[in-house]
Amino acid sequence: MAASATATSHTQVPVITIDGPTASGKGTITQGVARVLGWHTLDSGALYRLTALAARWHGADTTDAAEVARIASDLDVVFNDDIILLQGHNVTDTIRHEVIGSLASTIAAWQPVRDALLQRQRAFAKAPGLVADGRDMGTVVFPGAPLKIFLVADAMARAKRRYKQLKDKGISANLSDLAKDMEARDLRDTSRAHAPLLAAHDAHTIDSSSLTIDDTIRQVLGLWSGTRVPSGRP
């Protein structure tokens, strides 16, 4: 499903949010659940990675929150199925590089950047429904979602998953360094002043450390089928 990140929508549609720390499997589970339901998806982390990449492309001062926020508000981005275009360039793999992920984690802590991307994220809520993954989807972006998932996994399990993802893409990586980087990101994400990573009070926590992808998807779909509220307000 193609979606422009600049589109706007005021339609009330059902939303499933999937939050959790980096490499907990949010993206994979989001895609799987959306595929079964025939819904749209939002990879909110990609927007922060795209902002980080755009800032580097423009030679911006990546320590200046206001300057980075201006770049975030003007992102020329198109999501087309599994392809992500930035200014017309395919950056699907580029934004997954660890240096971009690290910068994205840093700028995501800045309120001006988060404000710049908030409405852009909400605009992805379109019929027939949306599965949104990130760190504050259930707490800030879609607080009225009828189903909220908080997906967790231990640090080493997540590091191994990220290591395999990178190796499969031909990107060199060190497992020990990845584990340390994830612990550092977890600390930044959970301790930041604005929209910290935490489970919404009404979220269902799923530990995917020892679950297969299919098992996790089935758990989410099972929770959705048991949700009494048929639609939510983004």
Protein backbone atom coordinates (compact mmCIF):
# COMPACT_ATOMS: atom_id res chain seq x y z
CA MET A 1 0.00 0.00 0.00
CA ALA A 2 1.41 3.37 -0.99
CA ALA A 3 1.16 6.35 1.32
CA SER A 4 2.57 9.84 1.23
CA ALA A 5 3.89 11.06 4.57
CA THR A 6 2.46 14.51 3.84
CA ALA A 7 -1.14 13.36 3.42
CA THR A 8 -3.79 14.42 5.94
CA SER A 9 -6.85 12.58 7.13
CA HIS A 10 -9.48 13.24 9.77
CA THR A 11 -11.20 9.88 9.33
CA GLN A 12 -11.75 7.89 12.48
CA VAL A 13 -10.39 4.43 11.78
CA PRO A 14 -9.31 1.46 13.94
CA VAL A 15 -5.69 1.61 15.02
CA ILE A 16 -3.44 -1.03 16.58
CA THR A 17 -0.29 0.39 18.14
CA ILE A 18 2.85 -1.67 18.67
CA ASP A 19 5.45 0.03 20.85
CA GLY A 20 8.69 -1.29 22.27
CA PRO A 21 12.47 -0.90 22.37
CA THR A 22 14.72 -1.04 19.33
CA ALA A 23 14.92 -4.42 17.53
CA SER A 24 12.10 -5.92 19.59
CA GLY A 25 10.48 -7.00 16.33
CA LYS A 26 7.92 -4.19 16.10
CA GLY A 27 8.33 -3.64 12.37
CA THR A 28 8.11 -7.30 11.43
CA ILE A 29 5.05 -7.89 13.60
CA THR A 30 3.41 -4.70 12.36
CA GLN A 31 3.83 -5.78 8.74
CA GLY A 32 2.53 -9.27 9.51
CA VAL A 33 -0.55 -8.10 11.37
CA ALA A 34 -1.35 -5.48 8.73
CA ARG A 35 -0.97 -8.04 5.95
CA VAL A 36 -3.54 -10.33 7.57
CA LEU A 37 -5.99 -7.51 8.26
CA GLY A 38 -5.41 -5.69 4.96
CA TRP A 39 -4.54 -2.48 6.79
CA HIS A 40 -2.01 0.32 6.31
CA THR A 41 1.19 0.52 8.35
CA LEU A 42 3.24 3.26 9.96
CA ASP A 43 6.91 2.78 10.84
CA SER A 44 7.29 5.89 12.98
CA GLY A 45 10.94 5.13 13.66
CA ALA A 46 11.60 5.42 9.93
CA LEU A 47 10.47 9.06 10.05
CA TYR A 48 13.12 9.85 12.67
CA ARG A 49 15.72 7.93 10.68
CA LEU A 50 14.69 9.83 7.55
CA THR A 51 15.00 13.10 9.43
CA ALA A 52 18.48 12.10 10.59
CA LEU A 53 19.51 11.16 7.05
CA ALA A 54 18.05 14.34 5.56
CA ALA A 55 19.89 16.41 8.17
CA ARG A 56 23.17 14.78 7.15
CA TRP A 57 22.41 15.27 3.46
CA HIS A 58 21.75 18.97 4.03
CA GLY A 59 24.85 19.42 6.19
CA ALA A 60 22.69 20.59 9.07
CA ASP A 61 23.94 21.15 12.58
CA THR A 62 22.68 17.93 14.13
CA THR A 63 23.07 19.40 17.62
CA ASP A 64 20.56 22.17 16.82
CA ALA A 65 17.05 20.96 17.65
CA ALA A 66 15.32 23.85 15.85
CA GLU A 67 17.28 23.29 12.65
CA VAL A 68 16.60 19.55 12.65
CA ALA A 69 12.91 20.21 13.39
CA ARG A 70 12.68 22.43 10.31
CA ILE A 71 14.08 19.59 8.22
CA ALA A 72 11.58 17.16 9.80
CA SER A 73 8.64 19.42 8.93
CA ASP A 74 9.69 19.61 5.27
CA LEU A 75 10.54 15.95 4.63
CA ASP A 76 9.81 14.88 1.05
CA VAL A 77 8.98 11.25 1.81
CA VAL A 78 6.93 8.54 0.13
CA PHE A 79 6.32 5.04 1.56
CA ASN A 80 5.46 2.59 -1.21
CA ASP A 81 5.01 -0.95 0.13
CA ASP A 82 8.54 -1.96 1.23
CA ILE A 83 10.26 0.94 -0.54
CA ILE A 84 10.99 4.28 1.15
CA LEU A 85 11.82 7.30 -0.99
CA LEU A 86 13.48 10.46 0.34
CA GLN A 87 13.60 13.31 -2.16
CA GLY A 88 12.97 10.72 -4.86
CA HIS A 89 15.86 8.48 -3.79
CA ASN A 90 15.43 4.91 -2.55
CA VAL A 91 16.78 5.01 1.02
CA THR A 92 15.12 1.82 2.30
CA ASP A 93 18.44 0.25 3.31
CA THR A 94 20.38 3.46 3.97
CA ILE A 95 18.23 4.51 6.91
CA ARG A 96 18.91 1.16 8.60
CA HIS A 97 22.63 1.86 8.99
CA GLU A 98 23.61 2.04 12.64
CA VAL A 99 25.05 5.56 12.36
CA ILE A 100 21.66 6.81 11.15
CA GLY A 101 19.85 4.84 13.85
CA SER A 102 22.06 6.31 16.54
CA LEU A 103 21.46 9.87 15.34
CA ALA A 104 17.73 9.18 15.03
CA SER A 105 17.65 8.03 18.65
CA THR A 106 19.31 11.29 19.71
CA ILE A 107 17.05 13.68 17.77
CA ALA A 108 13.93 11.73 18.78
CA ALA A 109 14.46 13.04 22.32
CA TRP A 110 13.95 16.64 21.16
CA GLN A 111 10.44 18.03 21.56
CA PRO A 112 10.60 20.35 18.50
CA VAL A 113 11.39 17.35 16.29
CA ARG A 114 8.62 15.26 17.84
CA ASP A 115 6.15 18.12 17.39
CA ALA A 116 7.16 18.49 13.74
CA LEU A 117 6.41 14.83 13.05
CA LEU A 118 3.28 14.34 15.18
CA GLN A 119 0.58 15.33 12.67
CA ARG A 120 2.52 13.66 9.87
CA GLN A 121 2.28 10.38 11.82
CA ARG A 122 -1.42 10.79 12.59
CA ALA A 123 -2.10 11.36 8.89
CA PHE A 124 -1.31 7.70 8.24
CA ALA A 125 -4.56 6.65 9.95
CA LYS A 126 -6.72 5.76 6.95
CA ALA A 127 -9.48 3.24 6.27
CA PRO A 128 -9.72 0.33 6.61
CA GLY A 129 -7.25 0.59 9.53
CA LEU A 130 -3.69 1.23 10.65
CA VAL A 131 -1.04 -0.76 12.49
CA ALA A 132 1.51 1.72 13.87
CA ASP A 133 4.84 0.86 15.43
CA GLY A 134 7.18 3.02 17.43
CA ARG A 135 7.91 4.08 20.96
CA ASP A 136 5.04 6.43 21.79
CA MET A 137 2.29 5.30 19.43
CA GLY A 138 -0.03 4.20 22.22
CA THR A 139 0.88 6.94 24.69
CA VAL A 140 1.12 10.07 22.52
CA VAL A 141 0.34 9.63 18.83
CA PHE A 142 -2.76 7.38 19.01
CA PRO A 143 -3.84 7.40 22.68
CA GLY A 144 -7.38 6.37 21.70
CA ALA A 145 -6.33 3.22 19.85
CA PRO A 146 -8.57 0.28 20.83
CA LEU A 147 -5.62 -2.13 20.98
CA LYS A 148 -2.15 -1.25 22.24
CA ILE A 149 0.73 -3.69 22.30
CA PHE A 150 4.01 -3.22 24.16
CA LEU A 151 6.49 -5.61 22.58
CA VAL A 152 9.63 -6.48 24.54
CA ALA A 153 12.59 -8.85 24.28
CA ASP A 154 15.84 -9.15 26.21
CA ALA A 155 18.81 -7.12 24.95
CA MET A 156 20.85 -10.04 23.63
CA ALA A 157 17.90 -11.50 21.72
CA ARG A 158 17.35 -8.11 20.13
CA ALA A 159 21.03 -7.70 19.32
CA LYS A 160 21.08 -11.09 17.59
CA ARG A 161 18.04 -10.15 15.52
CA ARG A 162 19.58 -6.84 14.44
CA TYR A 163 22.88 -8.59 13.69
CA LYS A 164 21.12 -11.04 11.37
CA GLN A 165 19.17 -8.23 9.68
CA LEU A 166 22.34 -6.29 8.97
CA LYS A 167 24.31 -9.32 7.79
CA ASP A 168 21.46 -10.30 5.46
CA LYS A 169 21.71 -6.83 3.92
CA GLY A 170 25.47 -7.16 3.54
CA ILE A 171 26.17 -4.59 6.27
CA SER A 172 29.06 -5.38 8.62
CA ALA A 173 28.22 -5.50 12.32
CA ASN A 174 29.63 -6.59 15.67
CA LEU A 175 27.25 -8.42 18.01
CA SER A 176 28.83 -7.10 21.20
CA ASP A 177 28.76 -3.51 19.92
CA LEU A 178 25.13 -3.90 18.86
CA ALA A 179 24.15 -5.12 22.33
CA LYS A 180 25.92 -2.17 23.98
CA ASP A 181 24.32 0.27 21.53
CA MET A 182 20.87 -1.13 22.26
CA GLU A 183 21.35 -0.76 25.98
CA ALA A 184 22.42 2.86 25.43
CA ARG A 185 19.39 3.51 23.21
CA ASP A 186 17.08 1.89 25.76
CA LEU A 187 18.44 4.24 28.41
CA ARG A 188 17.98 7.29 26.18
CA ASP A 189 14.49 6.24 25.12
CA THR A 190 13.20 5.45 28.61
CA SER A 191 14.77 8.45 30.36
CA ARG A 192 14.11 11.24 27.85
CA ALA A 193 11.94 14.08 29.10
CA HIS A 194 9.54 14.07 26.14
CA ALA A 195 7.44 11.02 25.21
CA PRO A 196 9.69 8.44 26.90
CA LEU A 197 9.44 4.79 25.95
CA LEU A 198 6.91 3.18 28.26
CA ALA A 199 3.86 0.98 28.04
CA ALA A 200 0.50 2.72 27.89
CA HIS A 201 -1.59 2.00 30.98
CA ASP A 202 -3.97 -0.08 28.88
CA ALA A 203 -1.35 -1.82 26.72
CA HIS A 204 -0.86 -5.59 26.50
CA THR A 205 2.80 -6.56 27.03
CA ILE A 206 4.17 -9.39 24.88
CA ASP A 207 7.66 -10.76 25.49
CA SER A 208 8.89 -12.04 22.12
CA SER A 209 12.31 -13.24 23.34
CA SER A 210 11.43 -16.89 22.79
CA LEU A 211 8.49 -16.52 20.41
CA THR A 212 8.54 -17.02 16.67
CA ILE A 213 7.29 -14.26 14.38
CA ASP A 214 4.14 -16.25 13.59
CA ASP A 215 3.47 -16.89 17.29
CA THR A 216 3.73 -13.19 18.07
CA ILE A 217 1.48 -12.20 15.17
CA ARG A 218 -1.10 -14.75 16.32
CA GLN A 219 -1.05 -13.27 19.82
CA VAL A 220 -1.69 -9.77 18.50
CA LEU A 221 -4.48 -10.95 16.18
CA GLY A 222 -6.01 -12.91 19.03
CA LEU A 223 -6.08 -9.80 21.18
CA TRP A 224 -7.58 -7.81 18.32
CA SER A 225 -10.34 -10.36 17.73
CA GLY A 226 -11.17 -10.14 21.42
CA THR A 227 -11.28 -6.34 21.50
CA ARG A 228 -14.79 -5.21 22.29
CA VAL A 229 -14.37 -1.69 20.88
CA PRO A 230 -14.58 -1.98 17.06
CA SER A 231 -12.93 1.30 16.21
CA GLY A 232 -10.80 3.95 17.88
CA ARG A 233 -10.04 7.59 17.61
CA PRO A 234 -6.44 8.37 16.48
